[in-house]
């Protein structure tokens, strides 16, 4: 079936645009954008993914499974490249199924880090492809070698990372344009790739992640009630691991607990490994750190909550007295900007991705990632002078609203970027005035305090 132009499709099928997204972990970075596009009348939205879990109303999910059994003959350094090719081939097969059904997307948006967008243009040569260029690896000044304890440099880092970056280069050749979340991530890419990458964050729902002084949480079998008036130290990560400074945070806790006998610590995150290598002992990092610290950790006041439902996670942030966020020079966590939006008092690592959003003493307190006494002192000082932290809380939320609010800032830019590519235009860096009309809701900014 030949592809109908957009005007013909509008007349015959009442379809304004067909969008297709690709991300192995549905919905990944595209959750907000996909929901918005699926809610707009006349859009048809497809999502190609490996995940069989999760649904978004109006989104047609297509599951693929790459054959990653490529055997021991593959050199360790090229294993990631082989996996990327096999992943790209599997995605291309799903695209062929769409083509056979007469589905020709107006644009395809996907994460290129695993090779998912490598062969899409071979199936849909006329469809613009927008790829997420999340990270360009470096031997220095990024995550590799940053932590000598758990991520030391290796003799073969140069060649190993060059092969990893080959996926970025091949994906650039197979894409019309790229996007990346932050200016720091953009700065990691070579100039030739930067020329076709837009810096555009996925955004934060600042009307949901908002302060709530009446929030409370019942904890433990006895139902201990914690509120915003309690002394609550919070730490959040997808998994409790060194890339997010879990080991450093745990080593800071004994002094905090000694100096603040009423403080309760809420730790949200799983025992898996999202980034880097597992603990050399075979234990989870939680188990390893508890073994290292022994009775210096008061188990009655340090609560490992695991992975929690979305409403519980929001409540954790809303009752937080001090939120600790530590990260290698790596991709910034969603939880960090959500903590900013919620108006948390931040004690965070002075690493490049954090410094892009937080100025020390203005939006929070920045400390050296490895300085355990400084982290302890920052948390203790914040607990001792909670009224004095109020301006930093307000400033952190204001920064999140001004830079990352979905409705007033982020979605308009996404819609412009997609429209430019679908129209064959070189994308603009900033949206033109009046773009909010396409959102279908009044233009407004969320209140700084709720």
Protein backbone atom coordinates (compact mmCIF):
# COMPACT_ATOMS: atom_id res chain seq x y z
CA UNK A 1 0.00 0.00 0.00
CA UNK A 2 1.50 3.30 -0.98
CA UNK A 3 1.87 5.98 1.61
CA UNK A 4 -0.89 8.59 1.57
CA UNK A 5 0.13 12.19 2.07
CA UNK A 6 -1.07 13.87 5.25
CA UNK A 7 -3.88 15.78 3.56
CA UNK A 8 -5.30 12.61 2.01
CA UNK A 9 -5.12 10.81 5.34
CA UNK A 10 -6.90 13.63 7.10
CA UNK A 11 -9.69 13.48 4.56
CA UNK A 12 -10.01 9.68 4.39
CA UNK A 13 -9.14 8.49 7.90
CA UNK A 14 -9.36 11.61 10.06
CA UNK A 15 -5.79 10.93 11.22
CA UNK A 16 -3.77 14.09 11.75
CA UNK A 17 -0.41 12.41 12.36
CA UNK A 18 1.08 8.98 13.01
CA UNK A 19 3.82 8.92 15.66
CA UNK A 20 6.03 5.96 16.46
CA UNK A 21 8.30 5.74 19.51
CA UNK A 22 11.03 3.20 20.24
CA UNK A 23 12.44 2.47 23.70
CA UNK A 24 13.28 -0.92 25.17
CA UNK A 25 11.93 0.14 28.59
CA UNK A 26 8.41 1.35 27.91
CA UNK A 27 7.78 4.31 28.03
CA UNK A 28 11.25 5.49 29.06
CA UNK A 29 11.99 9.18 28.59
CA UNK A 30 8.91 9.62 26.42
CA UNK A 31 6.16 9.06 29.00
CA UNK A 32 4.93 12.67 29.17
CA UNK A 33 5.19 13.32 25.44
CA UNK A 34 3.50 10.06 24.44
CA UNK A 35 0.59 10.65 26.82
CA UNK A 36 0.10 14.13 25.46
CA UNK A 37 0.21 13.08 21.81
CA UNK A 38 -2.12 10.14 22.44
CA UNK A 39 -4.64 12.51 24.07
CA UNK A 40 -4.69 14.85 21.06
CA UNK A 41 -7.61 14.09 18.69
CA UNK A 42 -6.58 12.67 15.33
CA UNK A 43 -3.21 11.28 16.41
CA UNK A 44 -2.25 7.63 16.15
CA UNK A 45 0.63 6.61 18.41
CA UNK A 46 2.66 3.40 18.24
CA UNK A 47 5.36 2.32 20.68
CA UNK A 48 8.00 -0.34 19.91
CA UNK A 49 9.52 -1.80 23.07
CA UNK A 50 10.88 -4.92 24.77
CA UNK A 51 8.67 -4.43 27.80
CA UNK A 52 5.40 -6.33 28.00
CA UNK A 53 4.38 -4.37 31.08
CA UNK A 54 2.58 -1.06 31.31
CA UNK A 55 -0.01 0.59 29.13
CA UNK A 56 -0.88 4.14 28.12
CA UNK A 57 -4.41 4.82 26.84
CA UNK A 58 -4.44 5.38 23.11
CA UNK A 59 -0.95 3.95 22.56
CA UNK A 60 -0.55 0.80 20.43
CA UNK A 61 2.38 -1.15 21.85
CA UNK A 62 4.48 -3.50 19.71
CA UNK A 63 6.89 -5.81 21.55
CA UNK A 64 10.17 -7.05 20.09
CA UNK A 65 12.76 -9.46 21.46
CA UNK A 66 16.29 -9.32 20.06
CA UNK A 67 18.38 -12.46 19.67
CA UNK A 68 21.37 -11.69 21.89
CA UNK A 69 22.85 -15.21 21.90
CA UNK A 70 25.91 -14.28 19.88
CA UNK A 71 28.30 -16.69 21.57
CA UNK A 72 31.72 -16.57 23.16
CA UNK A 73 33.57 -15.86 19.91
CA UNK A 74 32.66 -12.19 20.19
CA UNK A 75 35.45 -10.00 21.63
CA UNK A 76 34.39 -8.44 24.98
CA UNK A 77 34.91 -4.92 23.64
CA UNK A 78 32.68 -5.54 20.65
CA UNK A 79 29.91 -7.32 22.56
CA UNK A 80 27.99 -4.06 22.98
CA UNK A 81 28.27 -3.38 19.25
CA UNK A 82 27.03 -6.87 18.37
CA UNK A 83 24.09 -6.45 20.78
CA UNK A 84 23.26 -3.08 19.24
CA UNK A 85 23.15 -4.54 15.73
CA UNK A 86 20.92 -7.41 16.83
CA UNK A 87 18.65 -5.01 18.69
CA UNK A 88 18.41 -2.73 15.67
CA UNK A 89 17.56 -5.67 13.42
CA UNK A 90 14.76 -6.74 15.76
CA UNK A 91 13.28 -3.24 15.77
CA UNK A 92 13.51 -3.08 11.98
CA UNK A 93 11.50 -6.32 11.75
CA UNK A 94 8.70 -4.69 13.75
CA UNK A 95 8.87 -1.68 11.42
CA UNK A 96 8.48 -4.03 8.46
CA UNK A 97 5.34 -5.44 10.06
CA UNK A 98 3.95 -1.92 10.31
CA UNK A 99 4.82 -1.26 6.67
CA UNK A 100 3.09 -4.44 5.55
CA UNK A 101 -0.01 -3.25 7.38
CA UNK A 102 0.11 0.04 5.51
CA UNK A 103 1.28 2.06 8.51
CA UNK A 104 3.77 4.76 7.53
CA UNK A 105 4.66 6.96 10.52
CA UNK A 106 5.09 10.70 10.03
CA UNK A 107 7.99 10.59 12.50
CA UNK A 108 9.83 7.96 14.54
CA UNK A 109 11.43 8.88 17.87
CA UNK A 110 13.67 6.45 19.73
CA UNK A 111 16.62 5.83 22.05
CA UNK A 112 19.71 5.05 20.00
CA UNK A 113 21.99 3.94 22.83
CA UNK A 114 21.12 0.26 22.44
CA UNK A 115 21.02 0.37 18.64
CA UNK A 116 17.24 0.56 18.38
CA UNK A 117 17.21 3.23 15.66
CA UNK A 118 20.06 1.83 13.54
CA UNK A 119 18.01 0.30 10.71
CA UNK A 120 14.71 2.18 10.80
CA UNK A 121 15.60 4.34 7.80
CA UNK A 122 16.13 1.20 5.74
CA UNK A 123 12.46 0.38 6.28
CA UNK A 124 11.04 3.91 6.23
CA UNK A 125 13.52 5.96 4.17
CA UNK A 126 11.21 8.98 3.89
CA UNK A 127 10.22 9.10 7.56
CA UNK A 128 12.27 11.47 9.75
CA UNK A 129 14.00 9.71 12.65
CA UNK A 130 14.72 11.58 15.88
CA UNK A 131 17.16 9.71 18.14
CA UNK A 132 17.89 10.18 21.81
CA UNK A 133 21.65 10.66 22.15
CA UNK A 134 21.83 10.14 25.89
CA UNK A 135 25.54 9.76 26.59
CA UNK A 136 28.89 9.94 24.81
CA UNK A 137 31.57 8.07 26.73
CA UNK A 138 34.93 9.59 27.72
CA UNK A 139 38.04 8.24 29.39
CA UNK A 140 38.25 11.35 31.61
CA UNK A 141 35.93 13.98 33.10
CA UNK A 142 32.84 11.76 33.11
CA UNK A 143 31.81 8.56 34.87
CA UNK A 144 34.74 6.33 33.88
CA UNK A 145 37.47 6.43 36.52
CA UNK A 146 35.53 8.91 38.67
CA UNK A 147 35.22 6.47 41.58
CA UNK A 148 38.45 4.57 42.17
CA UNK A 149 36.73 2.23 44.60
CA UNK A 150 33.95 0.92 42.36
CA UNK A 151 34.65 2.33 38.88
CA UNK A 152 38.45 2.45 38.46
CA UNK A 153 40.08 3.14 35.14
CA UNK A 154 41.08 0.16 33.05
CA UNK A 155 43.98 -0.22 30.67
CA UNK A 156 41.63 -0.90 27.75
CA UNK A 157 39.23 2.00 28.45
CA UNK A 158 40.23 3.87 25.30
CA UNK A 159 39.37 1.10 22.87
CA UNK A 160 36.43 -0.17 24.88
CA UNK A 161 34.74 3.24 25.00
CA UNK A 162 35.55 3.97 21.37
CA UNK A 163 33.57 0.89 20.39
CA UNK A 164 30.72 1.90 22.69
CA UNK A 165 30.64 5.31 21.03
CA UNK A 166 30.52 3.63 17.62
CA UNK A 167 26.83 3.03 18.30
CA UNK A 168 26.37 6.79 18.71
CA UNK A 169 28.20 7.50 15.45
CA UNK A 170 26.29 4.88 13.48
CA UNK A 171 23.01 6.09 14.95
CA UNK A 172 23.82 9.65 13.93
CA UNK A 173 24.30 8.43 10.36
CA UNK A 174 20.95 6.62 10.56
CA UNK A 175 19.00 9.55 12.05
CA UNK A 176 17.77 12.91 10.80
CA UNK A 177 18.21 14.66 14.13
CA UNK A 178 18.98 13.97 17.77
CA UNK A 179 17.99 15.12 21.22
CA UNK A 180 19.68 14.94 24.61
CA UNK A 181 18.39 15.95 28.03
CA UNK A 182 20.90 18.47 29.41
CA UNK A 183 23.55 20.94 28.30
CA UNK A 184 26.23 18.88 30.02
CA UNK A 185 25.23 15.72 28.14
CA UNK A 186 25.25 17.77 24.93
CA UNK A 187 28.79 19.00 25.71
CA UNK A 188 30.10 15.41 25.79
CA UNK A 189 29.36 14.84 22.09
CA UNK A 190 31.88 15.80 19.38
CA UNK A 191 31.06 18.93 17.35
CA UNK A 192 30.01 16.96 14.27
CA UNK A 193 27.25 15.28 16.27
CA UNK A 194 26.35 18.40 18.25
CA UNK A 195 25.43 20.11 14.99
CA UNK A 196 22.35 17.87 14.74
CA UNK A 197 21.35 17.51 18.41
CA UNK A 198 18.83 19.60 20.34
CA UNK A 199 19.12 19.87 24.11
CA UNK A 200 15.65 19.12 25.40
CA UNK A 201 14.74 17.60 28.76
CA UNK A 202 11.75 15.28 29.12
CA UNK A 203 10.26 17.65 31.69
CA UNK A 204 8.61 17.39 35.07
CA UNK A 205 4.97 17.55 36.08
CA UNK A 206 5.42 20.46 38.47
CA UNK A 207 1.69 20.56 39.24
CA UNK A 208 1.97 17.05 40.69
CA UNK A 209 5.42 17.31 42.23
CA UNK A 210 4.56 20.23 44.46
CA UNK A 211 4.99 20.99 48.19
CA UNK A 212 2.28 19.67 50.48
CA UNK A 213 2.75 20.52 54.14
CA UNK A 214 -0.15 18.27 55.13
CA UNK A 215 1.38 15.11 53.59
CA UNK A 216 2.03 12.19 55.92
CA UNK A 217 3.33 8.64 55.73
CA UNK A 218 2.60 5.65 57.97
CA UNK A 219 5.77 3.60 58.31
CA UNK A 220 6.42 0.10 59.58
CA UNK A 221 4.13 -2.49 61.20
CA UNK A 222 3.31 -0.12 64.05
CA UNK A 223 2.29 2.62 61.65
CA UNK A 224 4.73 5.31 62.83
CA UNK A 225 3.42 8.53 61.33
CA UNK A 226 5.90 10.87 59.63
CA UNK A 227 4.88 14.34 58.46
CA UNK A 228 6.56 17.41 57.05
CA UNK A 229 7.17 18.48 60.66
CA UNK A 230 9.17 15.33 61.42
CA UNK A 231 12.93 15.10 60.89
CA UNK A 232 13.08 13.07 57.69
CA UNK A 233 16.19 12.49 55.58
CA UNK A 234 15.41 11.08 52.13
CA UNK A 235 17.48 9.33 49.47
CA UNK A 236 16.06 8.03 46.18
CA UNK A 237 17.58 6.05 43.32
CA UNK A 238 16.27 3.45 40.88
CA UNK A 239 18.79 1.07 42.41
CA UNK A 240 21.05 1.55 45.43
CA UNK A 241 24.47 1.66 43.78
CA UNK A 242 27.71 3.66 43.57
CA UNK A 243 26.75 5.62 40.42
CA UNK A 244 24.18 7.37 42.61
CA UNK A 245 26.52 7.65 45.60
CA UNK A 246 24.76 5.10 47.78
CA UNK A 247 27.98 3.94 49.40
CA UNK A 248 28.98 7.51 50.27
CA UNK A 249 25.53 8.34 51.62
CA UNK A 250 25.56 5.27 53.86
CA UNK A 251 28.97 6.22 55.26
CA UNK A 252 27.60 9.68 56.12
CA UNK A 253 24.69 8.28 58.11
CA UNK A 254 26.39 7.24 61.41
CA UNK A 255 27.39 10.82 62.24
CA UNK A 256 24.00 12.19 61.17
CA UNK A 257 22.17 9.64 63.30
CA UNK A 258 24.44 10.35 66.28
CA UNK A 259 23.93 14.11 66.09
CA UNK A 260 20.21 13.99 65.26
CA UNK A 261 18.63 11.36 67.54
CA UNK A 262 15.09 12.11 66.31
CA UNK A 263 15.89 11.82 62.60
CA UNK A 264 14.34 9.11 60.44
CA UNK A 265 15.97 8.05 57.15
CA UNK A 266 13.85 6.94 54.18
CA UNK A 267 15.77 5.15 51.41
CA UNK A 268 13.88 4.37 48.20
CA UNK A 269 15.40 2.08 45.58
CA UNK A 270 15.93 -1.50 44.52
CA UNK A 271 18.81 -3.91 45.06
CA UNK A 272 19.69 -4.30 41.38
CA UNK A 273 22.36 -2.56 39.29
CA UNK A 274 21.31 -0.01 36.71
CA UNK A 275 24.79 1.33 35.96
CA UNK A 276 28.27 -0.03 36.45
CA UNK A 277 29.28 -3.39 37.87
CA UNK A 278 27.75 -5.41 40.73
CA UNK A 279 29.49 -5.44 44.11
CA UNK A 280 32.59 -7.69 43.89
CA UNK A 281 31.35 -9.79 46.81
CA UNK A 282 28.22 -10.82 44.94
CA UNK A 283 26.06 -9.08 47.55
CA UNK A 284 23.80 -6.17 46.78
CA UNK A 285 25.33 -2.81 47.63
CA UNK A 286 22.74 -2.46 50.40
CA UNK A 287 23.88 -5.72 51.98
CA UNK A 288 27.54 -4.81 51.53
CA UNK A 289 27.19 -1.37 53.13
CA UNK A 290 25.16 -2.72 56.06
CA UNK A 291 27.89 -5.32 56.62
CA UNK A 292 30.57 -2.63 56.48
CA UNK A 293 28.84 -0.25 58.89
CA UNK A 294 27.40 -2.83 61.28
CA UNK A 295 25.84 -1.43 64.44
CA UNK A 296 26.80 2.12 63.46
CA UNK A 297 23.51 2.10 61.52
CA UNK A 298 20.40 2.24 63.71
CA UNK A 299 18.06 -0.12 61.87
CA UNK A 300 15.10 1.27 63.81
CA UNK A 301 15.63 4.67 62.15
CA UNK A 302 16.99 3.73 58.72
CA UNK A 303 14.17 2.42 56.56
CA UNK A 304 14.87 0.63 53.27
CA UNK A 305 11.60 0.98 51.39
CA UNK A 306 12.60 -0.76 48.16
CA UNK A 307 10.69 0.21 45.03
CA UNK A 308 7.51 2.06 46.02
CA UNK A 309 4.28 3.07 44.26
CA UNK A 310 4.18 6.51 42.66
CA UNK A 311 1.94 8.04 45.33
CA UNK A 312 4.19 6.81 48.14
CA UNK A 313 7.26 8.16 46.34
CA UNK A 314 5.63 11.59 46.04
CA UNK A 315 4.76 11.56 49.75
CA UNK A 316 8.35 10.69 50.63
CA UNK A 317 9.52 13.83 48.82
CA UNK A 318 6.77 15.98 50.34
CA UNK A 319 7.65 15.08 53.94
CA UNK A 320 11.41 15.32 53.35
CA UNK A 321 13.36 17.65 55.64
CA UNK A 322 16.59 17.09 53.69
CA UNK A 323 16.94 15.24 50.40
CA UNK A 324 20.39 13.85 49.60
CA UNK A 325 21.28 13.34 45.94
CA UNK A 326 24.69 12.12 44.84
CA UNK A 327 25.74 11.13 41.35
CA UNK A 328 28.80 10.41 39.27
CA UNK A 329 29.28 12.73 36.27
CA UNK A 330 26.53 10.89 34.43
CA UNK A 331 22.91 11.22 33.33
CA UNK A 332 20.87 13.21 35.85
CA UNK A 333 18.12 11.26 37.66
CA UNK A 334 14.45 12.12 37.22
CA UNK A 335 14.14 11.91 41.00
CA UNK A 336 16.48 14.87 41.39
CA UNK A 337 14.43 17.29 39.31
CA UNK A 338 11.25 15.92 40.90
CA UNK A 339 12.74 16.66 44.32
CA UNK A 340 13.51 20.19 43.13
CA UNK A 341 9.94 20.60 41.90
CA UNK A 342 8.60 19.35 45.24
CA UNK A 343 10.61 22.03 47.03
CA UNK A 344 12.98 19.70 48.85
CA UNK A 345 15.95 21.02 50.78
CA UNK A 346 18.80 19.62 48.68
CA UNK A 347 22.21 18.40 49.78
CA UNK A 348 23.74 17.24 46.51
CA UNK A 349 27.04 16.38 44.89
CA UNK A 350 28.89 19.18 43.13
CA UNK A 351 29.19 17.10 39.95
CA UNK A 352 28.54 18.63 36.49
CA UNK A 353 24.98 17.35 35.90
CA UNK A 354 23.87 18.72 39.29
CA UNK A 355 25.65 22.07 38.89
CA UNK A 356 23.68 22.65 35.70
CA UNK A 357 20.53 23.06 37.82
CA UNK A 358 21.69 23.97 41.32
CA UNK A 359 23.91 26.80 42.51
CA UNK A 360 25.44 26.26 45.94
CA UNK A 361 23.71 28.35 48.59
CA UNK A 362 20.97 29.46 46.20
CA UNK A 363 18.98 26.31 45.36
CA UNK A 364 20.57 23.92 47.84
CA UNK A 365 23.90 22.88 49.32
CA UNK A 366 26.54 21.31 47.07
CA UNK A 367 29.25 19.07 48.47
CA UNK A 368 32.13 17.03 47.11
CA UNK A 369 30.80 13.60 46.09
CA UNK A 370 33.37 11.75 48.20
CA UNK A 371 33.45 14.08 51.24
CA UNK A 372 31.58 12.05 53.85
CA UNK A 373 32.05 14.62 56.68
CA UNK A 374 30.80 17.44 54.42
CA UNK A 375 27.67 15.46 53.50
CA UNK A 376 27.00 14.74 57.17
CA UNK A 377 27.59 18.37 58.10
CA UNK A 378 25.32 19.64 55.31
CA UNK A 379 22.45 17.41 56.40
CA UNK A 380 22.91 18.24 60.09
CA UNK A 381 23.06 21.99 59.44
CA UNK A 382 19.87 21.83 57.38
CA UNK A 383 18.08 19.96 60.16
CA UNK A 384 19.32 22.43 62.77
CA UNK A 385 18.07 25.46 60.83
CA UNK A 386 14.97 24.33 58.99
CA UNK A 387 13.40 27.84 58.84
CA UNK A 388 16.61 29.12 57.28
CA UNK A 389 16.30 26.52 54.51
CA UNK A 390 12.93 27.85 53.32
CA UNK A 391 14.40 30.29 50.74
CA UNK A 392 16.49 27.47 49.21
CA UNK A 393 13.41 25.26 48.97
CA UNK A 394 11.43 27.99 47.20
CA UNK A 395 14.34 28.75 44.87
CA UNK A 396 14.76 25.08 43.96
CA UNK A 397 11.08 24.78 43.06
CA UNK A 398 11.14 28.04 41.13
CA UNK A 399 14.07 26.79 39.08
CA UNK A 400 12.28 23.52 38.30
CA UNK A 401 9.11 25.38 37.27
CA UNK A 402 10.99 27.93 35.14
CA UNK A 403 13.14 25.39 33.33
CA UNK A 404 11.33 22.06 33.37
CA UNK A 405 7.58 22.62 33.67
CA UNK A 406 5.81 20.37 31.18
CA UNK A 407 3.01 22.67 30.12
CA UNK A 408 4.69 26.05 29.97
CA UNK A 409 8.19 25.03 28.92
CA UNK A 410 8.89 21.47 27.79
CA UNK A 411 5.92 20.17 25.77
CA UNK A 412 5.80 23.28 23.55
CA UNK A 413 9.43 22.72 22.60
CA UNK A 414 8.83 19.02 21.93
CA UNK A 415 5.89 19.82 19.66
CA UNK A 416 7.96 22.37 17.74
CA UNK A 417 10.81 19.91 17.31
CA UNK A 418 8.51 17.18 15.99
CA UNK A 419 6.66 19.60 13.70
CA UNK A 420 9.91 20.92 12.25
CA UNK A 421 11.19 17.45 11.42
CA UNK A 422 7.87 16.30 9.96
CA UNK A 423 7.80 19.41 7.78
CA UNK A 424 11.38 18.89 6.60
CA UNK A 425 12.67 22.00 8.39
CA UNK A 426 15.93 22.28 10.31
CA UNK A 427 14.81 22.31 13.95
CA UNK A 428 14.81 25.58 15.82
CA UNK A 429 16.46 25.83 19.20
CA UNK A 430 13.60 27.63 20.97
CA UNK A 431 9.83 27.62 20.37
CA UNK A 432 8.15 30.58 18.77
CA UNK A 433 5.67 32.65 20.72
CA UNK A 434 2.15 31.26 20.69
CA UNK A 435 3.09 27.59 20.59
CA UNK A 436 1.13 26.88 23.79
CA UNK A 437 -2.08 27.02 21.76
CA UNK A 438 -1.34 23.47 20.60
CA UNK A 439 -1.39 22.11 24.14
CA UNK A 440 -5.16 22.46 24.36
CA UNK A 441 -5.01 23.94 27.87
CA UNK A 442 -4.62 27.51 29.16
CA UNK A 443 -1.08 28.79 29.45
CA UNK A 444 -0.10 29.04 33.10
CA UNK A 445 2.72 28.31 35.50
CA UNK A 446 2.20 26.22 38.62
CA UNK A 447 2.36 28.06 41.97
CA UNK A 448 5.73 28.10 43.66
CA UNK A 449 4.16 27.11 46.96
CA UNK A 450 1.16 24.85 47.48
